[in-house]
Amino acid sequence: MKLLLNGTPREIDARTLTDVLLAEGLGTAKVATAVNGSFVPAGLRATTELRDGDAVEIVAPMQGG
């Protein structure tokens, strides 16, 4: 499936948002996710189905001051 992952076109074998995280090696990482600009909470990632051309954002929290 063709997705726009963090602004970069990618071909990823995934049906759900959880599949994308696993494919990217982020299965257990604490991240925030969005699909087509809408926030997706962790509890809904496994049931959030993706379509060709969807824009997926994965953001890791940062510490700083």
PDB file of N, CA and C in Angstrom:
ATOM      1  N   MET A   1       0.836  -1.164   0.000  1.00  0.00           N
ATOM      2  CA  MET A   1       0.000   0.000   0.000  1.00  0.00           C
ATOM      3  C   MET A   1       0.890   1.240   0.000  1.00  0.00           C
ATOM      4  N   LYS A   2       0.498   2.238  -0.769  1.00  0.00           N
ATOM      5  CA  LYS A   2       1.252   3.489  -0.817  1.00  0.00           C
ATOM      6  C   LYS A   2       0.689   4.446   0.228  1.00  0.00           C
ATOM      7  N   LEU A   3       1.573   4.884   1.124  1.00  0.00           N
ATOM      8  CA  LEU A   3       1.206   5.834   2.177  1.00  0.00           C
ATOM      9  C   LEU A   3       2.173   7.002   2.161  1.00  0.00           C
ATOM     10  N   LEU A   4       1.729   8.105   2.719  1.00  0.00           N
ATOM     11  CA  LEU A   4       2.611   9.239   2.960  1.00  0.00           C
ATOM     12  C   LEU A   4       2.939   9.173   4.443  1.00  0.00           C
ATOM     13  N   LEU A   5       4.136   8.702   4.780  1.00  0.00           N
ATOM     14  CA  LEU A   5       4.534   8.489   6.168  1.00  0.00           C
ATOM     15  C   LEU A   5       5.449   9.619   6.614  1.00  0.00           C
ATOM     16  N   ASN A   6       4.961  10.427   7.524  1.00  0.00           N
ATOM     17  CA  ASN A   6       5.695  11.608   8.000  1.00  0.00           C
ATOM     18  C   ASN A   6       6.207  12.453   6.838  1.00  0.00           C
ATOM     19  N   GLY A   7       5.349  12.606   5.833  1.00  0.00           N
ATOM     20  CA  GLY A   7       5.664  13.456   4.693  1.00  0.00           C
ATOM     21  C   GLY A   7       6.454  12.799   3.578  1.00  0.00           C
ATOM     22  N   THR A   8       6.812  11.509   3.753  1.00  0.00           N
ATOM     23  CA  THR A   8       7.607  10.801   2.754  1.00  0.00           C
ATOM     24  C   THR A   8       6.782   9.683   2.128  1.00  0.00           C
ATOM     25  N   PRO A   9       6.681   9.651   0.798  1.00  0.00           N
ATOM     26  CA  PRO A   9       5.943   8.551   0.162  1.00  0.00           C
ATOM     27  C   PRO A   9       6.622   7.212   0.462  1.00  0.00           C
ATOM     28  N   ARG A  10       5.836   6.224   0.869  1.00  0.00           N
ATOM     29  CA  ARG A  10       6.374   4.907   1.223  1.00  0.00           C
ATOM     30  C   ARG A  10       5.437   3.822   0.723  1.00  0.00           C
ATOM     31  N   GLU A  11       6.000   2.698   0.392  1.00  0.00           N
ATOM     32  CA  GLU A  11       5.237   1.490   0.065  1.00  0.00           C
ATOM     33  C   GLU A  11       5.365   0.587   1.281  1.00  0.00           C
ATOM     34  N   ILE A  12       4.254   0.334   1.982  1.00  0.00           N
ATOM     35  CA  ILE A  12       4.274  -0.444   3.220  1.00  0.00           C
ATOM     36  C   ILE A  12       3.184  -1.502   3.149  1.00  0.00           C
ATOM     37  N   ASP A  13       3.533  -2.730   3.530  1.00  0.00           N
ATOM     38  CA  ASP A  13       2.565  -3.814   3.575  1.00  0.00           C
ATOM     39  C   ASP A  13       1.824  -3.723   4.910  1.00  0.00           C
ATOM     40  N   ALA A  14       0.703  -2.989   4.920  1.00  0.00           N
ATOM     41  CA  ALA A  14      -0.032  -2.764   6.157  1.00  0.00           C
ATOM     42  C   ALA A  14      -1.504  -2.527   5.846  1.00  0.00           C
ATOM     43  N   ARG A  15      -2.356  -3.028   6.730  1.00  0.00           N
ATOM     44  CA  ARG A  15      -3.794  -2.764   6.609  1.00  0.00           C
ATOM     45  C   ARG A  15      -4.274  -1.804   7.672  1.00  0.00           C
ATOM     46  N   THR A  16      -3.597  -1.810   8.831  1.00  0.00           N
ATOM     47  CA  THR A  16      -4.018  -0.963   9.947  1.00  0.00           C
ATOM     48  C   THR A  16      -2.863  -0.085  10.410  1.00  0.00           C
ATOM     49  N   LEU A  17      -3.187   0.863  11.250  1.00  0.00           N
ATOM     50  CA  LEU A  17      -2.153   1.737  11.800  1.00  0.00           C
ATOM     51  C   LEU A  17      -1.173   0.933  12.658  1.00  0.00           C
ATOM     52  N   THR A  18      -1.658  -0.057  13.382  1.00  0.00           N
ATOM     53  CA  THR A  18      -0.764  -0.922  14.156  1.00  0.00           C
ATOM     54  C   THR A  18       0.218  -1.637  13.237  1.00  0.00           C
ATOM     55  N   ASP A  19      -0.237  -2.095  12.085  1.00  0.00           N
ATOM     56  CA  ASP A  19       0.647  -2.758  11.119  1.00  0.00           C
ATOM     57  C   ASP A  19       1.773  -1.824  10.685  1.00  0.00           C
ATOM     58  N   VAL A  20       1.469  -0.548  10.488  1.00  0.00           N
ATOM     59  CA  VAL A  20       2.493   0.427  10.098  1.00  0.00           C
ATOM     60  C   VAL A  20       3.531   0.564  11.207  1.00  0.00           C
ATOM     61  N   LEU A  21       3.069   0.689  12.440  1.00  0.00           N
ATOM     62  CA  LEU A  21       3.998   0.824  13.560  1.00  0.00           C
ATOM     63  C   LEU A  21       4.904  -0.404  13.669  1.00  0.00           C
ATOM     64  N   LEU A  22       4.344  -1.578  13.512  1.00  0.00           N
ATOM     65  CA  LEU A  22       5.149  -2.806  13.560  1.00  0.00           C
ATOM     66  C   LEU A  22       6.152  -2.846  12.416  1.00  0.00           C
ATOM     67  N   ALA A  23       5.727  -2.471  11.215  1.00  0.00           N
ATOM     68  CA  ALA A  23       6.618  -2.475  10.049  1.00  0.00           C
ATOM     69  C   ALA A  23       7.772  -1.495  10.225  1.00  0.00           C
ATOM     70  N   GLU A  24       7.530  -0.424  10.968  1.00  0.00           N
ATOM     71  CA  GLU A  24       8.561   0.588  11.196  1.00  0.00           C
ATOM     72  C   GLU A  24       9.381   0.319  12.452  1.00  0.00           C
ATOM     73  N   GLY A  25       9.121  -0.807  13.114  1.00  0.00           N
ATOM     74  CA  GLY A  25       9.870  -1.160  14.317  1.00  0.00           C
ATOM     75  C   GLY A  25       9.448  -0.346  15.533  1.00  0.00           C
ATOM     76  N   LEU A  26       8.214   0.139  15.524  1.00  0.00           N
ATOM     77  CA  LEU A  26       7.722   0.990  16.606  1.00  0.00           C
ATOM     78  C   LEU A  26       6.542   0.360  17.346  1.00  0.00           C
ATOM     79  N   GLY A  27       6.461  -0.958  17.312  1.00  0.00           N
ATOM     80  CA  GLY A  27       5.317  -1.655  17.893  1.00  0.00           C
ATOM     81  C   GLY A  27       5.063  -1.355  19.351  1.00  0.00           C
ATOM     82  N   THR A  28       6.109  -1.195  20.151  1.00  0.00           N
ATOM     83  CA  THR A  28       5.925  -0.940  21.586  1.00  0.00           C
ATOM     84  C   THR A  28       6.346   0.469  21.988  1.00  0.00           C
ATOM     85  N   ALA A  29       6.715   1.282  21.032  1.00  0.00           N
ATOM     86  CA  ALA A  29       7.186   2.639  21.321  1.00  0.00           C
ATOM     87  C   ALA A  29       6.029   3.533  21.766  1.00  0.00           C
ATOM     88  N   LYS A  30       6.335   4.482  22.619  1.00  0.00           N
ATOM     89  CA  LYS A  30       5.362   5.493  23.044  1.00  0.00           C
ATOM     90  C   LYS A  30       5.377   6.616  22.016  1.00  0.00           C
ATOM     91  N   VAL A  31       4.381   6.619  21.154  1.00  0.00           N
ATOM     92  CA  VAL A  31       4.302   7.610  20.084  1.00  0.00           C
ATOM     93  C   VAL A  31       2.878   8.140  19.982  1.00  0.00           C
ATOM     94  N   ALA A  32       2.741   9.261  19.331  1.00  0.00           N
ATOM     95  CA  ALA A  32       1.438   9.807  18.963  1.00  0.00           C
ATOM     96  C   ALA A  32       1.235   9.533  17.480  1.00  0.00           C
ATOM     97  N   THR A  33      -0.006   9.256  17.098  1.00  0.00           N
ATOM     98  CA  THR A  33      -0.285   8.929  15.707  1.00  0.00           C
ATOM     99  C   THR A  33      -1.474   9.728  15.178  1.00  0.00           C
ATOM    100  N   ALA A  34      -1.423   9.976  13.876  1.00  0.00           N
ATOM    101  CA  ALA A  34      -2.538  10.648  13.202  1.00  0.00           C
ATOM    102  C   ALA A  34      -2.664  10.069  11.800  1.00  0.00           C
ATOM    103  N   VAL A  35      -3.884  10.033  11.304  1.00  0.00           N
ATOM    104  CA  VAL A  35      -4.147   9.616   9.931  1.00  0.00           C
ATOM    105  C   VAL A  35      -4.948  10.723   9.271  1.00  0.00           C
ATOM    106  N   ASN A  36      -4.416  11.221   8.172  1.00  0.00           N
ATOM    107  CA  ASN A  36      -5.059  12.306   7.426  1.00  0.00           C
ATOM    108  C   ASN A  36      -5.400  13.492   8.329  1.00  0.00           C
ATOM    109  N   GLY A  37      -4.477  13.789   9.251  1.00  0.00           N
ATOM    110  CA  GLY A  37      -4.620  14.951  10.110  1.00  0.00           C
ATOM    111  C   GLY A  37      -5.457  14.743  11.355  1.00  0.00           C
ATOM    112  N   SER A  38      -6.017  13.558  11.541  1.00  0.00           N
ATOM    113  CA  SER A  38      -6.842  13.285  12.725  1.00  0.00           C
ATOM    114  C   SER A  38      -6.088  12.394  13.695  1.00  0.00           C
ATOM    115  N   PHE A  39      -5.985  12.832  14.951  1.00  0.00           N
ATOM    116  CA  PHE A  39      -5.317  12.071  16.002  1.00  0.00           C
ATOM    117  C   PHE A  39      -5.979  10.706  16.167  1.00  0.00           C
ATOM    118  N   VAL A  40      -5.146   9.669  16.314  1.00  0.00           N
ATOM    119  CA  VAL A  40      -5.645   8.315  16.562  1.00  0.00           C
ATOM    120  C   VAL A  40      -5.052   7.839  17.883  1.00  0.00           C
ATOM    121  N   PRO A  41      -5.892   7.654  18.927  1.00  0.00           N
ATOM    122  CA  PRO A  41      -5.379   7.176  20.207  1.00  0.00           C
ATOM    123  C   PRO A  41      -4.861   5.743  20.092  1.00  0.00           C
ATOM    124  N   ALA A  42      -3.945   5.384  20.982  1.00  0.00           N
ATOM    125  CA  ALA A  42      -3.319   4.063  20.950  1.00  0.00           C
ATOM    126  C   ALA A  42      -4.343   2.937  20.929  1.00  0.00           C
ATOM    127  N   GLY A  43      -5.421   3.079  21.658  1.00  0.00           N
ATOM    128  CA  GLY A  43      -6.429   2.027  21.740  1.00  0.00           C
ATOM    129  C   GLY A  43      -7.199   1.783  20.456  1.00  0.00           C
ATOM    130  N   LEU A  44      -7.105   2.693  19.508  1.00  0.00           N
ATOM    131  CA  LEU A  44      -7.840   2.537  18.239  1.00  0.00           C
ATOM    132  C   LEU A  44      -6.939   2.197  17.056  1.00  0.00           C
ATOM    133  N   ARG A  45      -5.651   2.095  17.277  1.00  0.00           N
ATOM    134  CA  ARG A  45      -4.725   1.857  16.159  1.00  0.00           C
ATOM    135  C   ARG A  45      -4.965   0.521  15.464  1.00  0.00           C
ATOM    136  N   ALA A  46      -5.275  -0.522  16.220  1.00  0.00           N
ATOM    137  CA  ALA A  46      -5.470  -1.849  15.628  1.00  0.00           C
ATOM    138  C   ALA A  46      -6.716  -1.918  14.751  1.00  0.00           C
ATOM    139  N   THR A  47      -7.673  -1.043  15.004  1.00  0.00           N
ATOM    140  CA  THR A  47      -8.910  -1.055  14.216  1.00  0.00           C
ATOM    141  C   THR A  47      -8.982   0.087  13.214  1.00  0.00           C
ATOM    142  N   THR A  48      -7.929   0.899  13.139  1.00  0.00           N
ATOM    143  CA  THR A  48      -7.890   2.002  12.179  1.00  0.00           C
ATOM    144  C   THR A  48      -7.322   1.482  10.862  1.00  0.00           C
ATOM    145  N   GLU A  49      -8.227   1.186   9.930  1.00  0.00           N
ATOM    146  CA  GLU A  49      -7.813   0.658   8.629  1.00  0.00           C
ATOM    147  C   GLU A  49      -7.346   1.784   7.725  1.00  0.00           C
ATOM    148  N   LEU A  50      -6.339   1.476   6.940  1.00  0.00           N
ATOM    149  CA  LEU A  50      -5.732   2.467   6.054  1.00  0.00           C
ATOM    150  C   LEU A  50      -6.104   2.186   4.605  1.00  0.00           C
ATOM    151  N   ARG A  51      -6.018   3.240   3.792  1.00  0.00           N
ATOM    152  CA  ARG A  51      -6.272   3.131   2.357  1.00  0.00           C
ATOM    153  C   ARG A  51      -5.086   3.710   1.605  1.00  0.00           C
ATOM    154  N   ASP A  52      -4.926   3.275   0.376  1.00  0.00           N
ATOM    155  CA  ASP A  52      -3.875   3.845  -0.471  1.00  0.00           C
ATOM    156  C   ASP A  52      -3.952   5.362  -0.454  1.00  0.00           C
ATOM    157  N   GLY A  53      -2.803   6.000  -0.264  1.00  0.00           N
ATOM    158  CA  GLY A  53      -2.730   7.451  -0.305  1.00  0.00           C
ATOM    159  C   GLY A  53      -2.938   8.140   1.025  1.00  0.00           C
ATOM    160  N   ASP A  54      -3.286   7.376   2.081  1.00  0.00           N
ATOM    161  CA  ASP A  54      -3.464   8.005   3.396  1.00  0.00           C
ATOM    162  C   ASP A  54      -2.155   8.625   3.872  1.00  0.00           C
ATOM    163  N   ALA A  55      -2.300   9.720   4.615  1.00  0.00           N
ATOM    164  CA  ALA A  55      -1.153  10.391   5.232  1.00  0.00           C
ATOM    165  C   ALA A  55      -1.097   9.974   6.697  1.00  0.00           C
ATOM    166  N   VAL A  56      -0.006   9.323   7.083  1.00  0.00           N
ATOM    167  CA  VAL A  56       0.178   8.835   8.449  1.00  0.00           C
ATOM    168  C   VAL A  56       1.315   9.622   9.090  1.00  0.00           C
ATOM    169  N   GLU A  57       1.048  10.131  10.275  1.00  0.00           N
ATOM    170  CA  GLU A  57       2.075  10.833  11.044  1.00  0.00           C
ATOM    171  C   GLU A  57       2.350  10.040  12.311  1.00  0.00           C
ATOM    172  N   ILE A  58       3.627   9.835  12.600  1.00  0.00           N
ATOM    173  CA  ILE A  58       4.058   9.163  13.821  1.00  0.00           C
ATOM    174  C   ILE A  58       5.053  10.104  14.489  1.00  0.00           C
ATOM    175  N   VAL A  59       4.731  10.506  15.715  1.00  0.00           N
ATOM    176  CA  VAL A  59       5.544  11.491  16.412  1.00  0.00           C
ATOM    177  C   VAL A  59       5.936  10.938  17.780  1.00  0.00           C
ATOM    178  N   ALA A  60       7.233  10.951  18.062  1.00  0.00           N
ATOM    179  CA  ALA A  60       7.740  10.518  19.367  1.00  0.00           C
ATOM    180  C   ALA A  60       7.819  11.729  20.291  1.00  0.00           C
ATOM    181  N   PRO A  61       7.456  11.556  21.563  1.00  0.00           N
ATOM    182  CA  PRO A  61       7.586  12.673  22.506  1.00  0.00           C
ATOM    183  C   PRO A  61       9.040  13.073  22.688  1.00  0.00           C
ATOM    184  N   MET A  62       9.265  14.351  22.931  1.00  0.00           N
ATOM    185  CA  MET A  62      10.625  14.856  23.132  1.00  0.00           C
ATOM    186  C   MET A  62      10.708  15.527  24.483  1.00  0.00           C
ATOM    187  N   GLN A  63      11.842  15.369  25.118  1.00  0.00           N
ATOM    188  CA  GLN A  63      12.090  16.073  26.376  1.00  0.00           C
ATOM    189  C   GLN A  63      12.949  17.283  26.084  1.00  0.00           C
ATOM    190  N   GLY A  64      12.804  18.243  26.897  1.00  0.00           N
ATOM    191  CA  GLY A  64      13.625  19.428  26.707  1.00  0.00           C
ATOM    192  C   GLY A  64      13.173  20.529  27.642  1.00  0.00           C
ATOM    193  N   GLY A  65      13.781  21.631  27.468  1.00  0.00           N
ATOM    194  CA  GLY A  65      13.398  22.730  28.343  1.00  0.00           C
ATOM    195  C   GLY A  65      13.730  24.053  27.770  1.00  0.00           C
TER     196      GLY A  65
END
